[in-house]
């Protein structure tokens, strides 16, 4: 099991997501980050100490649910911090 870590997201813009859908997206993002860290260890840059990564564009399939969007975002964040995600887990 990996050690807990804190993640701060300064700005998160999700076009097309209704205000009432944000909670489901955030829960899925947090749950998937926890799963990835538990299963594959802390992302390399997090394990080394405080880390910063620039934003980016997360490609999400058209019609994705708020939960699916959260999973895609978590995988993007985990990999951008140097975390390993096996090929078979790269898409929800």
PDB file of N, CA and C in Angstrom:
ATOM      1  N   UNK A   1       0.842  -1.174   0.000  1.00  0.00           N
ATOM      2  CA  UNK A   1       0.000   0.000   0.000  1.00  0.00           C
ATOM      3  C   UNK A   1       0.890   1.240   0.000  1.00  0.00           C
ATOM      4  N   UNK A   2       0.491   2.251  -0.739  1.00  0.00           N
ATOM      5  CA  UNK A   2       1.295   3.466  -0.813  1.00  0.00           C
ATOM      6  C   UNK A   2       0.892   4.435   0.290  1.00  0.00           C
ATOM      7  N   UNK A   3       1.795   5.354   0.586  1.00  0.00           N
ATOM      8  CA  UNK A   3       1.527   6.367   1.601  1.00  0.00           C
ATOM      9  C   UNK A   3       0.536   7.383   1.038  1.00  0.00           C
ATOM     10  N   UNK A   4      -0.280   7.980   1.895  1.00  0.00           N
ATOM     11  CA  UNK A   4      -1.206   8.994   1.397  1.00  0.00           C
ATOM     12  C   UNK A   4      -0.435  10.223   0.920  1.00  0.00           C
ATOM     13  N   UNK A   5      -1.000  10.894  -0.028  1.00  0.00           N
ATOM     14  CA  UNK A   5      -0.407  12.146  -0.474  1.00  0.00           C
ATOM     15  C   UNK A   5      -1.522  13.121  -0.777  1.00  0.00           C
ATOM     16  N   UNK A   6      -1.170  14.382  -0.783  1.00  0.00           N
ATOM     17  CA  UNK A   6      -2.149  15.429  -1.017  1.00  0.00           C
ATOM     18  C   UNK A   6      -1.923  16.013  -2.396  1.00  0.00           C
ATOM     19  N   UNK A   7      -2.995  16.221  -3.097  1.00  0.00           N
ATOM     20  CA  UNK A   7      -2.935  16.777  -4.437  1.00  0.00           C
ATOM     21  C   UNK A   7      -3.765  18.044  -4.458  1.00  0.00           C
ATOM     22  N   UNK A   8      -3.190  19.107  -4.955  1.00  0.00           N
ATOM     23  CA  UNK A   8      -3.926  20.368  -5.085  1.00  0.00           C
ATOM     24  C   UNK A   8      -4.042  20.693  -6.563  1.00  0.00           C
ATOM     25  N   UNK A   9      -5.249  20.872  -7.001  1.00  0.00           N
ATOM     26  CA  UNK A   9      -5.504  21.267  -8.382  1.00  0.00           C
ATOM     27  C   UNK A   9      -5.938  22.722  -8.346  1.00  0.00           C
ATOM     28  N   UNK A  10      -5.123  23.587  -8.931  1.00  0.00           N
ATOM     29  CA  UNK A  10      -5.413  25.017  -8.877  1.00  0.00           C
ATOM     30  C   UNK A  10      -6.607  25.404  -9.737  1.00  0.00           C
ATOM     31  N   UNK A  11      -6.702  24.800 -10.903  1.00  0.00           N
ATOM     32  CA  UNK A  11      -7.787  25.169 -11.801  1.00  0.00           C
ATOM     33  C   UNK A  11      -8.185  23.937 -12.598  1.00  0.00           C
ATOM     34  N   UNK A  12      -9.462  23.719 -12.698  1.00  0.00           N
ATOM     35  CA  UNK A  12      -9.977  22.576 -13.437  1.00  0.00           C
ATOM     36  C   UNK A  12     -11.152  23.067 -14.275  1.00  0.00           C
ATOM     37  N   UNK A  13     -11.008  22.986 -15.568  1.00  0.00           N
ATOM     38  CA  UNK A  13     -12.054  23.457 -16.473  1.00  0.00           C
ATOM     39  C   UNK A  13     -12.565  22.265 -17.258  1.00  0.00           C
ATOM     40  N   UNK A  14     -13.863  22.007 -17.143  1.00  0.00           N
ATOM     41  CA  UNK A  14     -14.481  20.889 -17.843  1.00  0.00           C
ATOM     42  C   UNK A  14     -15.666  21.426 -18.632  1.00  0.00           C
ATOM     43  N   UNK A  15     -15.440  21.802 -19.889  1.00  0.00           N
ATOM     44  CA  UNK A  15     -16.534  22.329 -20.693  1.00  0.00           C
ATOM     45  C   UNK A  15     -17.649  21.297 -20.854  1.00  0.00           C
ATOM     46  N   UNK A  16     -18.877  21.757 -20.759  1.00  0.00           N
ATOM     47  CA  UNK A  16     -20.020  20.887 -20.972  1.00  0.00           C
ATOM     48  C   UNK A  16     -20.503  20.145 -19.746  1.00  0.00           C
ATOM     49  N   UNK A  17     -19.756  20.224 -18.655  1.00  0.00           N
ATOM     50  CA  UNK A  17     -20.156  19.537 -17.426  1.00  0.00           C
ATOM     51  C   UNK A  17     -21.072  20.469 -16.642  1.00  0.00           C
ATOM     52  N   UNK A  18     -22.237  19.975 -16.286  1.00  0.00           N
ATOM     53  CA  UNK A  18     -23.199  20.765 -15.526  1.00  0.00           C
ATOM     54  C   UNK A  18     -22.729  20.884 -14.074  1.00  0.00           C
ATOM     55  N   UNK A  19     -23.080  21.971 -13.399  1.00  0.00           N
ATOM     56  CA  UNK A  19     -22.646  22.149 -12.007  1.00  0.00           C
ATOM     57  C   UNK A  19     -22.986  20.958 -11.112  1.00  0.00           C
ATOM     58  N   UNK A  20     -24.131  20.345 -11.270  1.00  0.00           N
ATOM     59  CA  UNK A  20     -24.524  19.225 -10.414  1.00  0.00           C
ATOM     60  C   UNK A  20     -23.742  17.942 -10.724  1.00  0.00           C
ATOM     61  N   UNK A  21     -22.979  17.914 -11.808  1.00  0.00           N
ATOM     62  CA  UNK A  21     -22.194  16.735 -12.179  1.00  0.00           C
ATOM     63  C   UNK A  21     -20.767  16.757 -11.620  1.00  0.00           C
ATOM     64  N   UNK A  22     -20.361  17.891 -11.083  1.00  0.00           N
ATOM     65  CA  UNK A  22     -18.984  18.036 -10.602  1.00  0.00           C
ATOM     66  C   UNK A  22     -18.648  17.081  -9.461  1.00  0.00           C
ATOM     67  N   UNK A  23     -19.586  16.862  -8.536  1.00  0.00           N
ATOM     68  CA  UNK A  23     -19.301  15.963  -7.413  1.00  0.00           C
ATOM     69  C   UNK A  23     -18.971  14.555  -7.875  1.00  0.00           C
ATOM     70  N   UNK A  24     -19.739  14.027  -8.814  1.00  0.00           N
ATOM     71  CA  UNK A  24     -19.483  12.668  -9.330  1.00  0.00           C
ATOM     72  C   UNK A  24     -18.121  12.603 -10.011  1.00  0.00           C
ATOM     73  N   UNK A  25     -17.772  13.650 -10.759  1.00  0.00           N
ATOM     74  CA  UNK A  25     -16.476  13.692 -11.441  1.00  0.00           C
ATOM     75  C   UNK A  25     -15.339  13.734 -10.425  1.00  0.00           C
ATOM     76  N   UNK A  26     -15.482  14.568  -9.389  1.00  0.00           N
ATOM     77  CA  UNK A  26     -14.437  14.673  -8.366  1.00  0.00           C
ATOM     78  C   UNK A  26     -14.280  13.367  -7.585  1.00  0.00           C
ATOM     79  N   UNK A  27     -15.387  12.721  -7.239  1.00  0.00           N
ATOM     80  CA  UNK A  27     -15.307  11.445  -6.513  1.00  0.00           C
ATOM     81  C   UNK A  27     -14.590  10.391  -7.350  1.00  0.00           C
ATOM     82  N   UNK A  28     -14.917  10.323  -8.638  1.00  0.00           N
ATOM     83  CA  UNK A  28     -14.275   9.344  -9.515  1.00  0.00           C
ATOM     84  C   UNK A  28     -12.789   9.643  -9.676  1.00  0.00           C
ATOM     85  N   UNK A  29     -12.429  10.913  -9.789  1.00  0.00           N
ATOM     86  CA  UNK A  29     -11.027  11.309  -9.919  1.00  0.00           C
ATOM     87  C   UNK A  29     -10.253  10.885  -8.670  1.00  0.00           C
ATOM     88  N   UNK A  30     -10.793  11.186  -7.507  1.00  0.00           N
ATOM     89  CA  UNK A  30     -10.119  10.830  -6.258  1.00  0.00           C
ATOM     90  C   UNK A  30     -10.019   9.318  -6.082  1.00  0.00           C
ATOM     91  N   UNK A  31     -11.082   8.616  -6.379  1.00  0.00           N
ATOM     92  CA  UNK A  31     -11.099   7.155  -6.240  1.00  0.00           C
ATOM     93  C   UNK A  31     -10.077   6.502  -7.178  1.00  0.00           C
ATOM     94  N   UNK A  32     -10.005   6.974  -8.422  1.00  0.00           N
ATOM     95  CA  UNK A  32      -9.078   6.390  -9.396  1.00  0.00           C
ATOM     96  C   UNK A  32      -7.628   6.724  -9.053  1.00  0.00           C
ATOM     97  N   UNK A  33      -7.360   7.929  -8.577  1.00  0.00           N
ATOM     98  CA  UNK A  33      -5.990   8.252  -8.146  1.00  0.00           C
ATOM     99  C   UNK A  33      -5.565   7.344  -6.997  1.00  0.00           C
ATOM    100  N   UNK A  34      -6.473   7.120  -6.069  1.00  0.00           N
ATOM    101  CA  UNK A  34      -6.166   6.222  -4.959  1.00  0.00           C
ATOM    102  C   UNK A  34      -5.917   4.798  -5.428  1.00  0.00           C
ATOM    103  N   UNK A  35      -6.734   4.333  -6.346  1.00  0.00           N
ATOM    104  CA  UNK A  35      -6.580   2.975  -6.876  1.00  0.00           C
ATOM    105  C   UNK A  35      -5.250   2.825  -7.598  1.00  0.00           C
ATOM    106  N   UNK A  36      -4.927   3.794  -8.441  1.00  0.00           N
ATOM    107  CA  UNK A  36      -3.669   3.730  -9.192  1.00  0.00           C
ATOM    108  C   UNK A  36      -2.460   3.752  -8.258  1.00  0.00           C
ATOM    109  N   UNK A  37      -2.496   4.613  -7.251  1.00  0.00           N
ATOM    110  CA  UNK A  37      -1.376   4.709  -6.319  1.00  0.00           C
ATOM    111  C   UNK A  37      -1.234   3.450  -5.478  1.00  0.00           C
ATOM    112  N   UNK A  38      -2.361   2.863  -5.083  1.00  0.00           N
ATOM    113  CA  UNK A  38      -2.319   1.633  -4.299  1.00  0.00           C
ATOM    114  C   UNK A  38      -1.809   0.477  -5.146  1.00  0.00           C
ATOM    115  N   UNK A  39      -2.285   0.390  -6.357  1.00  0.00           N
ATOM    116  CA  UNK A  39      -1.929  -0.737  -7.226  1.00  0.00           C
ATOM    117  C   UNK A  39      -0.530  -0.618  -7.822  1.00  0.00           C
ATOM    118  N   UNK A  40      -0.129   0.599  -8.196  1.00  0.00           N
ATOM    119  CA  UNK A  40       1.125   0.784  -8.940  1.00  0.00           C
ATOM    120  C   UNK A  40       2.160   1.636  -8.206  1.00  0.00           C
ATOM    121  N   UNK A  41       1.845   2.079  -6.999  1.00  0.00           N
ATOM    122  CA  UNK A  41       2.771   2.912  -6.238  1.00  0.00           C
ATOM    123  C   UNK A  41       2.584   4.385  -6.540  1.00  0.00           C
ATOM    124  N   UNK A  42       3.198   5.184  -5.699  1.00  0.00           N
ATOM    125  CA  UNK A  42       3.113   6.628  -5.900  1.00  0.00           C
ATOM    126  C   UNK A  42       3.774   7.013  -7.217  1.00  0.00           C
ATOM    127  N   UNK A  43       3.218   8.020  -7.879  1.00  0.00           N
ATOM    128  CA  UNK A  43       3.921   8.529  -9.058  1.00  0.00           C
ATOM    129  C   UNK A  43       5.337   8.944  -8.668  1.00  0.00           C
ATOM    130  N   UNK A  44       6.275   8.703  -9.544  1.00  0.00           N
ATOM    131  CA  UNK A  44       7.694   8.954  -9.278  1.00  0.00           C
ATOM    132  C   UNK A  44       7.946  10.358  -8.733  1.00  0.00           C
ATOM    133  N   UNK A  45       7.351  11.362  -9.346  1.00  0.00           N
ATOM    134  CA  UNK A  45       7.622  12.738  -8.927  1.00  0.00           C
ATOM    135  C   UNK A  45       7.013  13.054  -7.575  1.00  0.00           C
ATOM    136  N   UNK A  46       5.908  12.402  -7.206  1.00  0.00           N
ATOM    137  CA  UNK A  46       5.299  12.608  -5.894  1.00  0.00           C
ATOM    138  C   UNK A  46       6.174  11.956  -4.823  1.00  0.00           C
ATOM    139  N   UNK A  47       6.683  10.766  -5.114  1.00  0.00           N
ATOM    140  CA  UNK A  47       7.520  10.039  -4.159  1.00  0.00           C
ATOM    141  C   UNK A  47       8.809  10.797  -3.845  1.00  0.00           C
ATOM    142  N   UNK A  48       9.260  11.636  -4.773  1.00  0.00           N
ATOM    143  CA  UNK A  48      10.500  12.391  -4.582  1.00  0.00           C
ATOM    144  C   UNK A  48      10.291  13.663  -3.771  1.00  0.00           C
ATOM    145  N   UNK A  49       9.079  14.033  -3.492  1.00  0.00           N
ATOM    146  CA  UNK A  49       8.787  15.257  -2.744  1.00  0.00           C
ATOM    147  C   UNK A  49       7.762  16.086  -3.489  1.00  0.00           C
ATOM    148  N   UNK A  50       7.571  17.328  -3.075  1.00  0.00           N
ATOM    149  CA  UNK A  50       6.574  18.167  -3.741  1.00  0.00           C
ATOM    150  C   UNK A  50       6.811  18.216  -5.245  1.00  0.00           C
ATOM    151  N   UNK A  51       5.742  18.095  -5.981  1.00  0.00           N
ATOM    152  CA  UNK A  51       5.846  18.080  -7.437  1.00  0.00           C
ATOM    153  C   UNK A  51       4.849  19.060  -8.035  1.00  0.00           C
ATOM    154  N   UNK A  52       5.193  19.596  -9.161  1.00  0.00           N
ATOM    155  CA  UNK A  52       4.322  20.489  -9.903  1.00  0.00           C
ATOM    156  C   UNK A  52       4.316  20.005 -11.334  1.00  0.00           C
ATOM    157  N   UNK A  53       3.164  20.048 -11.948  1.00  0.00           N
ATOM    158  CA  UNK A  53       3.081  19.685 -13.357  1.00  0.00           C
ATOM    159  C   UNK A  53       2.164  20.677 -14.048  1.00  0.00           C
ATOM    160  N   UNK A  54       2.522  21.083 -15.259  1.00  0.00           N
ATOM    161  CA  UNK A  54       1.646  22.004 -15.971  1.00  0.00           C
ATOM    162  C   UNK A  54       0.353  21.292 -16.364  1.00  0.00           C
ATOM    163  N   UNK A  55      -0.635  22.072 -16.653  1.00  0.00           N
ATOM    164  CA  UNK A  55      -1.909  21.503 -17.088  1.00  0.00           C
ATOM    165  C   UNK A  55      -1.787  20.864 -18.456  1.00  0.00           C
ATOM    166  N   UNK A  56      -2.863  20.442 -18.930  1.00  0.00           N
ATOM    167  CA  UNK A  56      -2.904  19.823 -20.237  1.00  0.00           C
ATOM    168  C   UNK A  56      -4.336  19.574 -20.636  1.00  0.00           C
ATOM    169  N   UNK A  57      -4.482  18.980 -21.775  1.00  0.00           N
ATOM    170  CA  UNK A  57      -5.806  18.649 -22.302  1.00  0.00           C
ATOM    171  C   UNK A  57      -6.002  17.152 -22.156  1.00  0.00           C
ATOM    172  N   UNK A  58      -7.075  16.779 -21.496  1.00  0.00           N
ATOM    173  CA  UNK A  58      -7.419  15.379 -21.311  1.00  0.00           C
ATOM    174  C   UNK A  58      -8.470  15.029 -22.354  1.00  0.00           C
ATOM    175  N   UNK A  59      -8.126  14.082 -23.216  1.00  0.00           N
ATOM    176  CA  UNK A  59      -9.085  13.663 -24.240  1.00  0.00           C
ATOM    177  C   UNK A  59     -10.050  12.653 -23.646  1.00  0.00           C
ATOM    178  N   UNK A  60     -11.325  12.969 -23.752  1.00  0.00           N
ATOM    179  CA  UNK A  60     -12.391  12.144 -23.199  1.00  0.00           C
ATOM    180  C   UNK A  60     -13.367  11.839 -24.327  1.00  0.00           C
ATOM    181  N   UNK A  61     -13.803  10.586 -24.423  1.00  0.00           N
ATOM    182  CA  UNK A  61     -14.754  10.245 -25.480  1.00  0.00           C
ATOM    183  C   UNK A  61     -16.036  11.077 -25.391  1.00  0.00           C
ATOM    184  N   UNK A  62     -16.584  11.398 -26.519  1.00  0.00           N
ATOM    185  CA  UNK A  62     -17.848  12.128 -26.570  1.00  0.00           C
ATOM    186  C   UNK A  62     -18.916  11.341 -25.818  1.00  0.00           C
ATOM    187  N   UNK A  63     -19.698  12.026 -25.021  1.00  0.00           N
ATOM    188  CA  UNK A  63     -20.774  11.378 -24.286  1.00  0.00           C
ATOM    189  C   UNK A  63     -20.335  10.717 -22.990  1.00  0.00           C
ATOM    190  N   UNK A  64     -19.079  10.923 -22.582  1.00  0.00           N
ATOM    191  CA  UNK A  64     -18.586  10.312 -21.340  1.00  0.00           C
ATOM    192  C   UNK A  64     -19.358  10.862 -20.146  1.00  0.00           C
ATOM    193  N   UNK A  65     -19.604   9.994 -19.180  1.00  0.00           N
ATOM    194  CA  UNK A  65     -20.293  10.401 -17.957  1.00  0.00           C
ATOM    195  C   UNK A  65     -19.333  11.195 -17.079  1.00  0.00           C
ATOM    196  N   UNK A  66     -19.851  11.926 -16.091  1.00  0.00           N
ATOM    197  CA  UNK A  66     -18.954  12.630 -15.167  1.00  0.00           C
ATOM    198  C   UNK A  66     -17.955  11.683 -14.494  1.00  0.00           C
ATOM    199  N   UNK A  67     -18.379  10.486 -14.148  1.00  0.00           N
ATOM    200  CA  UNK A  67     -17.463   9.515 -13.526  1.00  0.00           C
ATOM    201  C   UNK A  67     -16.372   9.102 -14.501  1.00  0.00           C
ATOM    202  N   UNK A  68     -16.713   8.868 -15.747  1.00  0.00           N
ATOM    203  CA  UNK A  68     -15.701   8.497 -16.751  1.00  0.00           C
ATOM    204  C   UNK A  68     -14.716   9.643 -16.968  1.00  0.00           C
ATOM    205  N   UNK A  69     -15.220  10.873 -16.948  1.00  0.00           N
ATOM    206  CA  UNK A  69     -14.343  12.039 -17.090  1.00  0.00           C
ATOM    207  C   UNK A  69     -13.347  12.069 -15.922  1.00  0.00           C
ATOM    208  N   UNK A  70     -13.838  11.820 -14.708  1.00  0.00           N
ATOM    209  CA  UNK A  70     -12.963  11.787 -13.534  1.00  0.00           C
ATOM    210  C   UNK A  70     -11.878  10.737 -13.646  1.00  0.00           C
ATOM    211  N   UNK A  71     -12.224   9.559 -14.168  1.00  0.00           N
ATOM    212  CA  UNK A  71     -11.239   8.484 -14.347  1.00  0.00           C
ATOM    213  C   UNK A  71     -10.182   8.903 -15.361  1.00  0.00           C
ATOM    214  N   UNK A  72     -10.598   9.471 -16.481  1.00  0.00           N
ATOM    215  CA  UNK A  72      -9.641   9.932 -17.492  1.00  0.00           C
ATOM    216  C   UNK A  72      -8.700  10.988 -16.899  1.00  0.00           C
ATOM    217  N   UNK A  73      -9.261  11.925 -16.131  1.00  0.00           N
ATOM    218  CA  UNK A  73      -8.440  12.982 -15.542  1.00  0.00           C
ATOM    219  C   UNK A  73      -7.443  12.396 -14.541  1.00  0.00           C
ATOM    220  N   UNK A  74      -7.878  11.448 -13.727  1.00  0.00           N
ATOM    221  CA  UNK A  74      -6.979  10.823 -12.749  1.00  0.00           C
ATOM    222  C   UNK A  74      -5.826  10.125 -13.451  1.00  0.00           C
ATOM    223  N   UNK A  75      -6.100   9.425 -14.513  1.00  0.00           N
ATOM    224  CA  UNK A  75      -5.038   8.721 -15.244  1.00  0.00           C
ATOM    225  C   UNK A  75      -4.069   9.699 -15.889  1.00  0.00           C
ATOM    226  N   UNK A  76      -4.596  10.809 -16.381  1.00  0.00           N
ATOM    227  CA  UNK A  76      -3.749  11.847 -16.955  1.00  0.00           C
ATOM    228  C   UNK A  76      -2.830  12.438 -15.877  1.00  0.00           C
ATOM    229  N   UNK A  77      -3.401  12.776 -14.726  1.00  0.00           N
ATOM    230  CA  UNK A  77      -2.624  13.356 -13.629  1.00  0.00           C
ATOM    231  C   UNK A  77      -1.569  12.365 -13.151  1.00  0.00           C
ATOM    232  N   UNK A  78      -1.971  11.116 -12.919  1.00  0.00           N
ATOM    233  CA  UNK A  78      -1.045  10.087 -12.425  1.00  0.00           C
ATOM    234  C   UNK A  78       0.134   9.913 -13.383  1.00  0.00           C
ATOM    235  N   UNK A  79      -0.143   9.806 -14.661  1.00  0.00           N
ATOM    236  CA  UNK A  79       0.948   9.601 -15.620  1.00  0.00           C
ATOM    237  C   UNK A  79       1.790  10.864 -15.795  1.00  0.00           C
ATOM    238  N   UNK A  80       1.186  12.056 -15.717  1.00  0.00           N
ATOM    239  CA  UNK A  80       1.969  13.289 -15.867  1.00  0.00           C
ATOM    240  C   UNK A  80       2.905  13.509 -14.686  1.00  0.00           C
ATOM    241  N   UNK A  81       2.615  12.866 -13.557  1.00  0.00           N
ATOM    242  CA  UNK A  81       3.502  12.934 -12.394  1.00  0.00           C
ATOM    243  C   UNK A  81       4.495  11.775 -12.370  1.00  0.00           C
ATOM    244  N   UNK A  82       4.555  11.027 -13.451  1.00  0.00           N
ATOM    245  CA  UNK A  82       5.531   9.946 -13.551  1.00  0.00           C
ATOM    246  C   UNK A  82       5.016   8.605 -13.095  1.00  0.00           C
ATOM    247  N   UNK A  83       3.714   8.483 -12.919  1.00  0.00           N
ATOM    248  CA  UNK A  83       3.137   7.216 -12.494  1.00  0.00           C
ATOM    249  C   UNK A  83       3.000   6.240 -13.644  1.00  0.00           C
ATOM    250  N   UNK A  84       3.096   4.976 -13.316  1.00  0.00           N
ATOM    251  CA  UNK A  84       2.980   3.906 -14.308  1.00  0.00           C
ATOM    252  C   UNK A  84       1.522   3.465 -14.416  1.00  0.00           C
ATOM    253  N   UNK A  85       1.057   3.333 -15.638  1.00  0.00           N
ATOM    254  CA  UNK A  85      -0.271   2.782 -15.901  1.00  0.00           C
ATOM    255  C   UNK A  85      -0.108   1.764 -17.014  1.00  0.00           C
ATOM    256  N   UNK A  86      -0.358   0.483 -16.729  1.00  0.00           N
ATOM    257  CA  UNK A  86      -0.247  -0.530 -17.786  1.00  0.00           C
ATOM    258  C   UNK A  86      -1.174  -0.208 -18.962  1.00  0.00           C
ATOM    259  N   UNK A  87      -0.773  -0.634 -20.124  1.00  0.00           N
ATOM    260  CA  UNK A  87      -1.536  -0.348 -21.348  1.00  0.00           C
ATOM    261  C   UNK A  87      -3.000  -0.747 -21.217  1.00  0.00           C
ATOM    262  N   UNK A  88      -3.257  -1.910 -20.618  1.00  0.00           N
ATOM    263  CA  UNK A  88      -4.636  -2.406 -20.533  1.00  0.00           C
ATOM    264  C   UNK A  88      -5.491  -1.565 -19.586  1.00  0.00           C
ATOM    265  N   UNK A  89      -4.897  -0.689 -18.782  1.00  0.00           N
ATOM    266  CA  UNK A  89      -5.647   0.170 -17.874  1.00  0.00           C
ATOM    267  C   UNK A  89      -5.710   1.613 -18.358  1.00  0.00           C
ATOM    268  N   UNK A  90      -5.165   1.900 -19.509  1.00  0.00           N
ATOM    269  CA  UNK A  90      -5.095   3.283 -19.946  1.00  0.00           C
ATOM    270  C   UNK A  90      -6.432   3.868 -20.367  1.00  0.00           C
ATOM    271  N   UNK A  91      -7.372   3.053 -20.709  1.00  0.00           N
ATOM    272  CA  UNK A  91      -8.722   3.518 -21.059  1.00  0.00           C
ATOM    273  C   UNK A  91      -9.724   2.873 -20.128  1.00  0.00           C
ATOM    274  N   UNK A  92     -10.680   3.652 -19.609  1.00  0.00           N
ATOM    275  CA  UNK A  92     -11.678   3.061 -18.716  1.00  0.00           C
ATOM    276  C   UNK A  92     -12.595   2.109 -19.450  1.00  0.00           C
TER     277      UNK A  92
END
